[in-house]
mmCIF file of all heavy atoms, coordinates in Angstrom:
data_MODEL
# 
_entry.id   MODEL 
# 
loop_
_atom_site.group_PDB 
_atom_site.id 
_atom_site.type_symbol 
_atom_site.label_atom_id 
_atom_site.label_alt_id 
_atom_site.label_comp_id 
_atom_site.label_asym_id 
_atom_site.label_entity_id 
_atom_site.label_seq_id 
_atom_site.pdbx_PDB_ins_code 
_atom_site.Cartn_x 
_atom_site.Cartn_y 
_atom_site.Cartn_z 
_atom_site.occupancy 
_atom_site.B_iso_or_equiv 
_atom_site.pdbx_formal_charge 
_atom_site.auth_seq_id 
_atom_site.auth_comp_id 
_atom_site.auth_asym_id 
_atom_site.auth_atom_id 
_atom_site.pdbx_PDB_model_num 
ATOM 1   N N   . ASN A 1 1  ? 0.831   -1.221 0.000   1.00 0.00 ? 1  ASN A N   1 
ATOM 2   C CA  . ASN A 1 1  ? 0.000   0.000  0.000   1.00 0.00 ? 1  ASN A CA  1 
ATOM 3   C C   . ASN A 1 1  ? 0.860   1.263  0.000   1.00 0.00 ? 1  ASN A C   1 
ATOM 4   O O   . ASN A 1 1  ? 0.575   2.233  0.714   1.00 0.00 ? 1  ASN A O   1 
ATOM 5   C CB  . ASN A 1 1  ? -0.921  0.029  1.221   1.00 0.00 ? 1  ASN A CB  1 
ATOM 6   C CG  . ASN A 1 1  ? -2.179  -0.795 1.036   1.00 0.00 ? 1  ASN A CG  1 
ATOM 7   O OD1 . ASN A 1 1  ? -2.196  -1.727 0.218   1.00 0.00 ? 1  ASN A OD1 1 
ATOM 8   N ND2 . ASN A 1 1  ? -3.226  -0.488 1.773   1.00 0.00 ? 1  ASN A ND2 1 
ATOM 9   N N   . THR A 1 2  ? 1.900   1.255  -0.810  1.00 0.00 ? 2  THR A N   1 
ATOM 10  C CA  . THR A 1 2  ? 2.867   2.345  -0.773  1.00 0.00 ? 2  THR A CA  1 
ATOM 11  C C   . THR A 1 2  ? 3.159   2.891  -2.168  1.00 0.00 ? 2  THR A C   1 
ATOM 12  O O   . THR A 1 2  ? 3.305   2.122  -3.118  1.00 0.00 ? 2  THR A O   1 
ATOM 13  C CB  . THR A 1 2  ? 4.178   1.896  -0.104  1.00 0.00 ? 2  THR A CB  1 
ATOM 14  O OG1 . THR A 1 2  ? 3.887   1.444  1.229   1.00 0.00 ? 2  THR A OG1 1 
ATOM 15  C CG2 . THR A 1 2  ? 5.172   3.048  -0.021  1.00 0.00 ? 2  THR A CG2 1 
ATOM 16  N N   . LEU A 1 3  ? 3.241   4.197  -2.235  1.00 0.00 ? 3  LEU A N   1 
ATOM 17  C CA  . LEU A 1 3  ? 3.589   4.930  -3.447  1.00 0.00 ? 3  LEU A CA  1 
ATOM 18  C C   . LEU A 1 3  ? 4.982   5.514  -3.259  1.00 0.00 ? 3  LEU A C   1 
ATOM 19  O O   . LEU A 1 3  ? 5.344   5.933  -2.151  1.00 0.00 ? 3  LEU A O   1 
ATOM 20  C CB  . LEU A 1 3  ? 2.582   6.057  -3.679  1.00 0.00 ? 3  LEU A CB  1 
ATOM 21  C CG  . LEU A 1 3  ? 2.834   7.000  -4.853  1.00 0.00 ? 3  LEU A CG  1 
ATOM 22  C CD1 . LEU A 1 3  ? 2.558   6.260  -6.168  1.00 0.00 ? 3  LEU A CD1 1 
ATOM 23  C CD2 . LEU A 1 3  ? 1.948   8.232  -4.727  1.00 0.00 ? 3  LEU A CD2 1 
ATOM 24  N N   . TYR A 1 4  ? 5.765   5.555  -4.338  1.00 0.00 ? 4  TYR A N   1 
ATOM 25  C CA  . TYR A 1 4  ? 7.135   6.072  -4.281  1.00 0.00 ? 4  TYR A CA  1 
ATOM 26  C C   . TYR A 1 4  ? 7.356   7.138  -5.353  1.00 0.00 ? 4  TYR A C   1 
ATOM 27  O O   . TYR A 1 4  ? 6.682   7.154  -6.387  1.00 0.00 ? 4  TYR A O   1 
ATOM 28  C CB  . TYR A 1 4  ? 8.151   4.951  -4.504  1.00 0.00 ? 4  TYR A CB  1 
ATOM 29  C CG  . TYR A 1 4  ? 8.049   3.812  -3.526  1.00 0.00 ? 4  TYR A CG  1 
ATOM 30  C CD1 . TYR A 1 4  ? 7.384   2.639  -3.867  1.00 0.00 ? 4  TYR A CD1 1 
ATOM 31  C CD2 . TYR A 1 4  ? 8.621   3.906  -2.265  1.00 0.00 ? 4  TYR A CD2 1 
ATOM 32  C CE1 . TYR A 1 4  ? 7.292   1.586  -2.975  1.00 0.00 ? 4  TYR A CE1 1 
ATOM 33  C CE2 . TYR A 1 4  ? 8.527   2.860  -1.356  1.00 0.00 ? 4  TYR A CE2 1 
ATOM 34  C CZ  . TYR A 1 4  ? 7.854   1.703  -1.723  1.00 0.00 ? 4  TYR A CZ  1 
ATOM 35  O OH  . TYR A 1 4  ? 7.759   0.665  -0.833  1.00 0.00 ? 4  TYR A OH  1 
ATOM 36  N N   . LEU A 1 5  ? 8.339   7.986  -5.087  1.00 0.00 ? 5  LEU A N   1 
ATOM 37  C CA  . LEU A 1 5  ? 8.823   8.913  -6.105  1.00 0.00 ? 5  LEU A CA  1 
ATOM 38  C C   . LEU A 1 5  ? 10.341  8.987  -5.963  1.00 0.00 ? 5  LEU A C   1 
ATOM 39  O O   . LEU A 1 5  ? 10.849  9.534  -4.978  1.00 0.00 ? 5  LEU A O   1 
ATOM 40  C CB  . LEU A 1 5  ? 8.209   10.302 -5.956  1.00 0.00 ? 5  LEU A CB  1 
ATOM 41  C CG  . LEU A 1 5  ? 8.593   11.296 -7.054  1.00 0.00 ? 5  LEU A CG  1 
ATOM 42  C CD1 . LEU A 1 5  ? 7.968   10.858 -8.392  1.00 0.00 ? 5  LEU A CD1 1 
ATOM 43  C CD2 . LEU A 1 5  ? 8.126   12.712 -6.707  1.00 0.00 ? 5  LEU A CD2 1 
ATOM 44  N N   . GLN A 1 6  ? 11.036  8.398  -6.922  1.00 0.00 ? 6  GLN A N   1 
ATOM 45  C CA  . GLN A 1 6  ? 12.491  8.486  -6.962  1.00 0.00 ? 6  GLN A CA  1 
ATOM 46  C C   . GLN A 1 6  ? 12.860  9.751  -7.724  1.00 0.00 ? 6  GLN A C   1 
ATOM 47  O O   . GLN A 1 6  ? 12.455  9.918  -8.876  1.00 0.00 ? 6  GLN A O   1 
ATOM 48  C CB  . GLN A 1 6  ? 13.084  7.257  -7.658  1.00 0.00 ? 6  GLN A CB  1 
ATOM 49  C CG  . GLN A 1 6  ? 14.606  7.288  -7.791  1.00 0.00 ? 6  GLN A CG  1 
ATOM 50  C CD  . GLN A 1 6  ? 15.304  7.216  -6.461  1.00 0.00 ? 6  GLN A CD  1 
ATOM 51  O OE1 . GLN A 1 6  ? 14.942  6.414  -5.604  1.00 0.00 ? 6  GLN A OE1 1 
ATOM 52  N NE2 . GLN A 1 6  ? 16.327  8.050  -6.276  1.00 0.00 ? 6  GLN A NE2 1 
ATOM 53  N N   . MET A 1 7  ? 13.612  10.621 -7.070  1.00 0.00 ? 7  MET A N   1 
ATOM 54  C CA  . MET A 1 7  ? 13.972  11.910 -7.659  1.00 0.00 ? 7  MET A CA  1 
ATOM 55  C C   . MET A 1 7  ? 15.489  11.992 -7.788  1.00 0.00 ? 7  MET A C   1 
ATOM 56  O O   . MET A 1 7  ? 16.206  11.956 -6.785  1.00 0.00 ? 7  MET A O   1 
ATOM 57  C CB  . MET A 1 7  ? 13.446  13.053 -6.786  1.00 0.00 ? 7  MET A CB  1 
ATOM 58  C CG  . MET A 1 7  ? 11.952  12.987 -6.528  1.00 0.00 ? 7  MET A CG  1 
ATOM 59  S SD  . MET A 1 7  ? 11.318  14.430 -5.642  1.00 0.00 ? 7  MET A SD  1 
ATOM 60  C CE  . MET A 1 7  ? 12.148  14.233 -4.066  1.00 0.00 ? 7  MET A CE  1 
ATOM 61  N N   . ASN A 1 8  ? 15.960  12.075 -9.024  1.00 0.00 ? 8  ASN A N   1 
ATOM 62  C CA  . ASN A 1 8  ? 17.392  12.175 -9.308  1.00 0.00 ? 8  ASN A CA  1 
ATOM 63  C C   . ASN A 1 8  ? 17.708  13.512 -9.958  1.00 0.00 ? 8  ASN A C   1 
ATOM 64  O O   . ASN A 1 8  ? 16.803  14.196 -10.457 1.00 0.00 ? 8  ASN A O   1 
ATOM 65  C CB  . ASN A 1 8  ? 17.826  11.033 -10.220 1.00 0.00 ? 8  ASN A CB  1 
ATOM 66  C CG  . ASN A 1 8  ? 17.607  9.667  -9.612  1.00 0.00 ? 8  ASN A CG  1 
ATOM 67  O OD1 . ASN A 1 8  ? 17.702  9.491  -8.387  1.00 0.00 ? 8  ASN A OD1 1 
ATOM 68  N ND2 . ASN A 1 8  ? 17.307  8.689  -10.450 1.00 0.00 ? 8  ASN A ND2 1 
ATOM 69  N N   . SER A 1 9  ? 18.979  13.860 -9.977  1.00 0.00 ? 9  SER A N   1 
ATOM 70  C CA  . SER A 1 9  ? 19.426  15.106 -10.612 1.00 0.00 ? 9  SER A CA  1 
ATOM 71  C C   . SER A 1 9  ? 18.578  16.297 -10.155 1.00 0.00 ? 9  SER A C   1 
ATOM 72  O O   . SER A 1 9  ? 18.104  17.091 -10.977 1.00 0.00 ? 9  SER A O   1 
ATOM 73  C CB  . SER A 1 9  ? 19.365  14.967 -12.135 1.00 0.00 ? 9  SER A CB  1 
ATOM 74  O OG  . SER A 1 9  ? 20.163  13.888 -12.578 1.00 0.00 ? 9  SER A OG  1 
ATOM 75  N N   . LEU A 1 10 ? 18.395  16.397 -8.883  1.00 0.00 ? 10 LEU A N   1 
ATOM 76  C CA  . LEU A 1 10 ? 17.522  17.436 -8.338  1.00 0.00 ? 10 LEU A CA  1 
ATOM 77  C C   . LEU A 1 10 ? 18.070  18.833 -8.595  1.00 0.00 ? 10 LEU A C   1 
ATOM 78  O O   . LEU A 1 10 ? 19.292  19.055 -8.594  1.00 0.00 ? 10 LEU A O   1 
ATOM 79  C CB  . LEU A 1 10 ? 17.304  17.210 -6.842  1.00 0.00 ? 10 LEU A CB  1 
ATOM 80  C CG  . LEU A 1 10 ? 16.315  16.100 -6.511  1.00 0.00 ? 10 LEU A CG  1 
ATOM 81  C CD1 . LEU A 1 10 ? 16.482  15.604 -5.094  1.00 0.00 ? 10 LEU A CD1 1 
ATOM 82  C CD2 . LEU A 1 10 ? 14.880  16.577 -6.750  1.00 0.00 ? 10 LEU A CD2 1 
ATOM 83  N N   . LYS A 1 11 ? 17.135  19.747 -8.806  1.00 0.00 ? 11 LYS A N   1 
ATOM 84  C CA  . LYS A 1 11 ? 17.457  21.143 -9.101  1.00 0.00 ? 11 LYS A CA  1 
ATOM 85  C C   . LYS A 1 11 ? 16.824  22.045 -8.043  1.00 0.00 ? 11 LYS A C   1 
ATOM 86  O O   . LYS A 1 11 ? 15.822  21.667 -7.426  1.00 0.00 ? 11 LYS A O   1 
ATOM 87  C CB  . LYS A 1 11 ? 16.908  21.519 -10.471 1.00 0.00 ? 11 LYS A CB  1 
ATOM 88  C CG  . LYS A 1 11 ? 17.391  20.640 -11.605 1.00 0.00 ? 11 LYS A CG  1 
ATOM 89  C CD  . LYS A 1 11 ? 16.707  21.023 -12.910 1.00 0.00 ? 11 LYS A CD  1 
ATOM 90  C CE  . LYS A 1 11 ? 17.170  20.135 -14.065 1.00 0.00 ? 11 LYS A CE  1 
ATOM 91  N NZ  . LYS A 1 11 ? 16.496  20.507 -15.342 1.00 0.00 ? 11 LYS A NZ  1 
ATOM 92  N N   . PRO A 1 12 ? 17.364  23.237 -7.859  1.00 0.00 ? 12 PRO A N   1 
ATOM 93  C CA  . PRO A 1 12 ? 16.748  24.160 -6.883  1.00 0.00 ? 12 PRO A CA  1 
ATOM 94  C C   . PRO A 1 12 ? 15.260  24.411 -7.158  1.00 0.00 ? 12 PRO A C   1 
ATOM 95  O O   . PRO A 1 12 ? 14.484  24.584 -6.213  1.00 0.00 ? 12 PRO A O   1 
ATOM 96  C CB  . PRO A 1 12 ? 17.575  25.435 -7.060  1.00 0.00 ? 12 PRO A CB  1 
ATOM 97  C CG  . PRO A 1 12 ? 18.924  24.949 -7.484  1.00 0.00 ? 12 PRO A CG  1 
ATOM 98  C CD  . PRO A 1 12 ? 18.635  23.767 -8.371  1.00 0.00 ? 12 PRO A CD  1 
ATOM 99  N N   . GLU A 1 13 ? 14.871  24.397 -8.412  1.00 0.00 ? 13 GLU A N   1 
ATOM 100 C CA  . GLU A 1 13 ? 13.464  24.635 -8.746  1.00 0.00 ? 13 GLU A CA  1 
ATOM 101 C C   . GLU A 1 13 ? 12.554  23.466 -8.384  1.00 0.00 ? 13 GLU A C   1 
ATOM 102 O O   . GLU A 1 13 ? 11.332  23.569 -8.503  1.00 0.00 ? 13 GLU A O   1 
ATOM 103 C CB  . GLU A 1 13 ? 13.303  24.984 -10.237 1.00 0.00 ? 13 GLU A CB  1 
ATOM 104 C CG  . GLU A 1 13 ? 13.963  24.017 -11.185 1.00 0.00 ? 13 GLU A CG  1 
ATOM 105 C CD  . GLU A 1 13 ? 15.343  24.497 -11.624 1.00 0.00 ? 13 GLU A CD  1 
ATOM 106 O OE1 . GLU A 1 13 ? 16.109  24.984 -10.768 1.00 0.00 ? 13 GLU A OE1 1 
ATOM 107 O OE2 . GLU A 1 13 ? 15.643  24.358 -12.834 1.00 0.00 ? 13 GLU A OE2 1 
ATOM 108 N N   . ASP A 1 14 ? 13.126  22.358 -7.938  1.00 0.00 ? 14 ASP A N   1 
ATOM 109 C CA  . ASP A 1 14 ? 12.327  21.244 -7.432  1.00 0.00 ? 14 ASP A CA  1 
ATOM 110 C C   . ASP A 1 14 ? 11.929  21.451 -5.973  1.00 0.00 ? 14 ASP A C   1 
ATOM 111 O O   . ASP A 1 14 ? 11.155  20.670 -5.419  1.00 0.00 ? 14 ASP A O   1 
ATOM 112 C CB  . ASP A 1 14 ? 13.086  19.922 -7.551  1.00 0.00 ? 14 ASP A CB  1 
ATOM 113 C CG  . ASP A 1 14 ? 13.355  19.530 -8.997  1.00 0.00 ? 14 ASP A CG  1 
ATOM 114 O OD1 . ASP A 1 14 ? 12.444  19.693 -9.832  1.00 0.00 ? 14 ASP A OD1 1 
ATOM 115 O OD2 . ASP A 1 14 ? 14.473  19.051 -9.277  1.00 0.00 ? 14 ASP A OD2 1 
ATOM 116 N N   . THR A 1 15 ? 12.454  22.485 -5.352  1.00 0.00 ? 15 THR A N   1 
ATOM 117 C CA  . THR A 1 15 ? 12.125  22.776 -3.955  1.00 0.00 ? 15 THR A CA  1 
ATOM 118 C C   . THR A 1 15 ? 10.630  23.055 -3.802  1.00 0.00 ? 15 THR A C   1 
ATOM 119 O O   . THR A 1 15 ? 10.078  23.913 -4.491  1.00 0.00 ? 15 THR A O   1 
ATOM 120 C CB  . THR A 1 15 ? 12.932  23.984 -3.459  1.00 0.00 ? 15 THR A CB  1 
ATOM 121 O OG1 . THR A 1 15 ? 14.323  23.648 -3.459  1.00 0.00 ? 15 THR A OG1 1 
ATOM 122 C CG2 . THR A 1 15 ? 12.508  24.383 -2.055  1.00 0.00 ? 15 THR A CG2 1 
ATOM 123 N N   . ALA A 1 16 ? 9.995   22.300 -2.918  1.00 0.00 ? 16 ALA A N   1 
ATOM 124 C CA  . ALA A 1 16 ? 8.546   22.419 -2.722  1.00 0.00 ? 16 ALA A CA  1 
ATOM 125 C C   . ALA A 1 16 ? 8.119   21.462 -1.622  1.00 0.00 ? 16 ALA A C   1 
ATOM 126 O O   . ALA A 1 16 ? 8.907   20.616 -1.178  1.00 0.00 ? 16 ALA A O   1 
ATOM 127 C CB  . ALA A 1 16 ? 7.803   22.092 -4.016  1.00 0.00 ? 16 ALA A CB  1 
ATOM 128 N N   . VAL A 1 17 ? 6.858   21.586 -1.222  1.00 0.00 ? 17 VAL A N   1 
ATOM 129 C CA  . VAL A 1 17 ? 6.227   20.564 -0.402  1.00 0.00 ? 17 VAL A CA  1 
ATOM 130 C C   . VAL A 1 17 ? 5.581   19.575 -1.367  1.00 0.00 ? 17 VAL A C   1 
ATOM 131 O O   . VAL A 1 17 ? 4.828   19.980 -2.256  1.00 0.00 ? 17 VAL A O   1 
ATOM 132 C CB  . VAL A 1 17 ? 5.181   21.155 0.547   1.00 0.00 ? 17 VAL A CB  1 
ATOM 133 C CG1 . VAL A 1 17 ? 4.511   20.035 1.348   1.00 0.00 ? 17 VAL A CG1 1 
ATOM 134 C CG2 . VAL A 1 17 ? 5.831   22.166 1.482   1.00 0.00 ? 17 VAL A CG2 1 
ATOM 135 N N   . TYR A 1 18 ? 5.886   18.306 -1.190  1.00 0.00 ? 18 TYR A N   1 
ATOM 136 C CA  . TYR A 1 18 ? 5.376   17.251 -2.061  1.00 0.00 ? 18 TYR A CA  1 
ATOM 137 C C   . TYR A 1 18 ? 4.241   16.513 -1.357  1.00 0.00 ? 18 TYR A C   1 
ATOM 138 O O   . TYR A 1 18 ? 4.384   16.099 -0.199  1.00 0.00 ? 18 TYR A O   1 
ATOM 139 C CB  . TYR A 1 18 ? 6.498   16.290 -2.433  1.00 0.00 ? 18 TYR A CB  1 
ATOM 140 C CG  . TYR A 1 18 ? 7.440   16.862 -3.473  1.00 0.00 ? 18 TYR A CG  1 
ATOM 141 C CD1 . TYR A 1 18 ? 8.311   17.903 -3.152  1.00 0.00 ? 18 TYR A CD1 1 
ATOM 142 C CD2 . TYR A 1 18 ? 7.441   16.388 -4.789  1.00 0.00 ? 18 TYR A CD2 1 
ATOM 143 C CE1 . TYR A 1 18 ? 9.158   18.453 -4.108  1.00 0.00 ? 18 TYR A CE1 1 
ATOM 144 C CE2 . TYR A 1 18 ? 8.292   16.926 -5.740  1.00 0.00 ? 18 TYR A CE2 1 
ATOM 145 C CZ  . TYR A 1 18 ? 9.140   17.957 -5.395  1.00 0.00 ? 18 TYR A CZ  1 
ATOM 146 O OH  . TYR A 1 18 ? 9.979   18.507 -6.345  1.00 0.00 ? 18 TYR A OH  1 
ATOM 147 N N   . TYR A 1 19 ? 3.136   16.338 -2.092  1.00 0.00 ? 19 TYR A N   1 
ATOM 148 C CA  . TYR A 1 19 ? 1.932   15.722 -1.546  1.00 0.00 ? 19 TYR A CA  1 
ATOM 149 C C   . TYR A 1 19 ? 1.575   14.452 -2.300  1.00 0.00 ? 19 TYR A C   1 
ATOM 150 O O   . TYR A 1 19 ? 1.606   14.414 -3.540  1.00 0.00 ? 19 TYR A O   1 
ATOM 151 C CB  . TYR A 1 19 ? 0.752   16.680 -1.645  1.00 0.00 ? 19 TYR A CB  1 
ATOM 152 C CG  . TYR A 1 19 ? 0.894   17.947 -0.847  1.00 0.00 ? 19 TYR A CG  1 
ATOM 153 C CD1 . TYR A 1 19 ? 1.460   19.088 -1.425  1.00 0.00 ? 19 TYR A CD1 1 
ATOM 154 C CD2 . TYR A 1 19 ? 0.457   18.024 0.467   1.00 0.00 ? 19 TYR A CD2 1 
ATOM 155 C CE1 . TYR A 1 19 ? 1.584   20.260 -0.706  1.00 0.00 ? 19 TYR A CE1 1 
ATOM 156 C CE2 . TYR A 1 19 ? 0.576   19.196 1.201   1.00 0.00 ? 19 TYR A CE2 1 
ATOM 157 C CZ  . TYR A 1 19 ? 1.140   20.305 0.608   1.00 0.00 ? 19 TYR A CZ  1 
ATOM 158 O OH  . TYR A 1 19 ? 1.270   21.471 1.324   1.00 0.00 ? 19 TYR A OH  1 
ATOM 159 N N   . CYS A 1 20 ? 1.179   13.462 -1.546  1.00 0.00 ? 20 CYS A N   1 
ATOM 160 C CA  . CYS A 1 20 ? 0.661   12.218 -2.104  1.00 0.00 ? 20 CYS A CA  1 
ATOM 161 C C   . CYS A 1 20 ? -0.858  12.379 -2.317  1.00 0.00 ? 20 CYS A C   1 
ATOM 162 O O   . CYS A 1 20 ? -1.541  12.985 -1.478  1.00 0.00 ? 20 CYS A O   1 
ATOM 163 C CB  . CYS A 1 20 ? 0.951   11.107 -1.099  1.00 0.00 ? 20 CYS A CB  1 
ATOM 164 S SG  . CYS A 1 20 ? 0.270   9.507  -1.476  1.00 0.00 ? 20 CYS A SG  1 
ATOM 165 N N   . ASN A 1 21 ? -1.360  11.861 -3.422  1.00 0.00 ? 21 ASN A N   1 
ATOM 166 C CA  . ASN A 1 21 ? -2.790  11.970 -3.753  1.00 0.00 ? 21 ASN A CA  1 
ATOM 167 C C   . ASN A 1 21 ? -3.308  10.623 -4.222  1.00 0.00 ? 21 ASN A C   1 
ATOM 168 O O   . ASN A 1 21 ? -2.649  9.924  -4.994  1.00 0.00 ? 21 ASN A O   1 
ATOM 169 C CB  . ASN A 1 21 ? -2.982  13.035 -4.839  1.00 0.00 ? 21 ASN A CB  1 
ATOM 170 C CG  . ASN A 1 21 ? -4.399  13.088 -5.360  1.00 0.00 ? 21 ASN A CG  1 
ATOM 171 O OD1 . ASN A 1 21 ? -4.778  12.317 -6.238  1.00 0.00 ? 21 ASN A OD1 1 
ATOM 172 N ND2 . ASN A 1 21 ? -5.184  14.012 -4.839  1.00 0.00 ? 21 ASN A ND2 1 
ATOM 173 N N   . ALA A 1 22 ? -4.504  10.271 -3.752  1.00 0.00 ? 22 ALA A N   1 
ATOM 174 C CA  . ALA A 1 22 ? -5.162  9.037  -4.186  1.00 0.00 ? 22 ALA A CA  1 
ATOM 175 C C   . ALA A 1 22 ? -6.557  9.378  -4.704  1.00 0.00 ? 22 ALA A C   1 
ATOM 176 O O   . ALA A 1 22 ? -7.278  10.167 -4.084  1.00 0.00 ? 22 ALA A O   1 
ATOM 177 C CB  . ALA A 1 22 ? -5.264  8.056  -3.023  1.00 0.00 ? 22 ALA A CB  1 
ATOM 178 N N   . ARG A 1 23 ? -6.927  8.772  -5.828  1.00 0.00 ? 23 ARG A N   1 
ATOM 179 C CA  . ARG A 1 23 ? -8.225  9.115  -6.410  1.00 0.00 ? 23 ARG A CA  1 
ATOM 180 C C   . ARG A 1 23 ? -8.899  7.864  -6.970  1.00 0.00 ? 23 ARG A C   1 
ATOM 181 O O   . ARG A 1 23 ? -8.340  7.138  -7.799  1.00 0.00 ? 23 ARG A O   1 
ATOM 182 C CB  . ARG A 1 23 ? -8.055  10.155 -7.504  1.00 0.00 ? 23 ARG A CB  1 
ATOM 183 C CG  . ARG A 1 23 ? -9.350  10.685 -8.074  1.00 0.00 ? 23 ARG A CG  1 
ATOM 184 C CD  . ARG A 1 23 ? -9.117  11.913 -8.923  1.00 0.00 ? 23 ARG A CD  1 
ATOM 185 N NE  . ARG A 1 23 ? -8.259  11.625 -10.049 1.00 0.00 ? 23 ARG A NE  1 
ATOM 186 C CZ  . ARG A 1 23 ? -7.004  12.032 -10.164 1.00 0.00 ? 23 ARG A CZ  1 
ATOM 187 N NH1 . ARG A 1 23 ? -6.434  12.727 -9.214  1.00 0.00 ? 23 ARG A NH1 1 
ATOM 188 N NH2 . ARG A 1 23 ? -6.298  11.753 -11.246 1.00 0.00 ? 23 ARG A NH2 1 
ATOM 189 N N   . PHE A 1 24 ? -10.108 7.594  -6.472  1.00 0.00 ? 24 PHE A N   1 
ATOM 190 C CA  . PHE A 1 24 ? -10.987 6.554  -7.025  1.00 0.00 ? 24 PHE A CA  1 
ATOM 191 C C   . PHE A 1 24 ? -12.367 6.809  -6.447  1.00 0.00 ? 24 PHE A C   1 
ATOM 192 O O   . PHE A 1 24 ? -12.619 6.538  -5.282  1.00 0.00 ? 24 PHE A O   1 
ATOM 193 C CB  . PHE A 1 24 ? -10.505 5.150  -6.655  1.00 0.00 ? 24 PHE A CB  1 
ATOM 194 C CG  . PHE A 1 24 ? -11.415 4.067  -7.136  1.00 0.00 ? 24 PHE A CG  1 
ATOM 195 C CD1 . PHE A 1 24 ? -11.499 3.761  -8.489  1.00 0.00 ? 24 PHE A CD1 1 
ATOM 196 C CD2 . PHE A 1 24 ? -12.231 3.355  -6.250  1.00 0.00 ? 24 PHE A CD2 1 
ATOM 197 C CE1 . PHE A 1 24 ? -12.356 2.770  -8.952  1.00 0.00 ? 24 PHE A CE1 1 
ATOM 198 C CE2 . PHE A 1 24 ? -13.086 2.359  -6.705  1.00 0.00 ? 24 PHE A CE2 1 
ATOM 199 C CZ  . PHE A 1 24 ? -13.145 2.065  -8.062  1.00 0.00 ? 24 PHE A CZ  1 
ATOM 200 N N   . GLN A 1 25 ? -13.212 7.410  -7.189  1.00 0.00 ? 25 GLN A N   1 
ATOM 201 C CA  . GLN A 1 25 ? -14.515 7.883  -6.729  1.00 0.00 ? 25 GLN A CA  1 
ATOM 202 C C   . GLN A 1 25 ? -14.349 9.042  -5.737  1.00 0.00 ? 25 GLN A C   1 
ATOM 203 O O   . GLN A 1 25 ? -14.965 10.089 -5.900  1.00 0.00 ? 25 GLN A O   1 
ATOM 204 C CB  . GLN A 1 25 ? -15.336 6.746  -6.103  1.00 0.00 ? 25 GLN A CB  1 
ATOM 205 C CG  . GLN A 1 25 ? -15.645 5.632  -7.100  1.00 0.00 ? 25 GLN A CG  1 
ATOM 206 C CD  . GLN A 1 25 ? -16.465 4.515  -6.501  1.00 0.00 ? 25 GLN A CD  1 
ATOM 207 O OE1 . GLN A 1 25 ? -16.580 4.386  -5.280  1.00 0.00 ? 25 GLN A OE1 1 
ATOM 208 N NE2 . GLN A 1 25 ? -17.039 3.678  -7.346  1.00 0.00 ? 25 GLN A NE2 1 
ATOM 209 N N   . LEU A 1 26 ? -13.570 8.854  -4.703  1.00 0.00 ? 26 LEU A N   1 
ATOM 210 C CA  . LEU A 1 26 ? -13.233 9.935  -3.781  1.00 0.00 ? 26 LEU A CA  1 
ATOM 211 C C   . LEU A 1 26 ? -11.750 10.283 -3.924  1.00 0.00 ? 26 LEU A C   1 
ATOM 212 O O   . LEU A 1 26 ? -10.986 9.525  -4.540  1.00 0.00 ? 26 LEU A O   1 
ATOM 213 C CB  . LEU A 1 26 ? -13.543 9.525  -2.338  1.00 0.00 ? 26 LEU A CB  1 
ATOM 214 C CG  . LEU A 1 26 ? -15.015 9.263  -2.008  1.00 0.00 ? 26 LEU A CG  1 
ATOM 215 C CD1 . LEU A 1 26 ? -15.153 8.784  -0.563  1.00 0.00 ? 26 LEU A CD1 1 
ATOM 216 C CD2 . LEU A 1 26 ? -15.860 10.501 -2.240  1.00 0.00 ? 26 LEU A CD2 1 
ATOM 217 N N   . GLU A 1 27 ? -11.365 11.414 -3.334  1.00 0.00 ? 27 GLU A N   1 
ATOM 218 C CA  . GLU A 1 27 ? -9.983  11.868 -3.442  1.00 0.00 ? 27 GLU A CA  1 
ATOM 219 C C   . GLU A 1 27 ? -9.418  12.119 -2.044  1.00 0.00 ? 27 GLU A C   1 
ATOM 220 O O   . GLU A 1 27 ? -10.097 12.680 -1.186  1.00 0.00 ? 27 GLU A O   1 
ATOM 221 C CB  . GLU A 1 27 ? -9.913  13.146 -4.280  1.00 0.00 ? 27 GLU A CB  1 
ATOM 222 C CG  . GLU A 1 27 ? -8.505  13.611 -4.603  1.00 0.00 ? 27 GLU A CG  1 
ATOM 223 C CD  . GLU A 1 27 ? -8.493  14.763 -5.594  1.00 0.00 ? 27 GLU A CD  1 
ATOM 224 O OE1 . GLU A 1 27 ? -9.432  15.581 -5.558  1.00 0.00 ? 27 GLU A OE1 1 
ATOM 225 O OE2 . GLU A 1 27 ? -7.555  14.860 -6.401  1.00 0.00 ? 27 GLU A OE2 1 
# 
């Protein structure tokens, strides 16, 4: 029950708060 995001070659413009989202009928 896990989602991943592998982020390579990161740039300063990638700076942010990252949110996980699930959608199926409801969100």
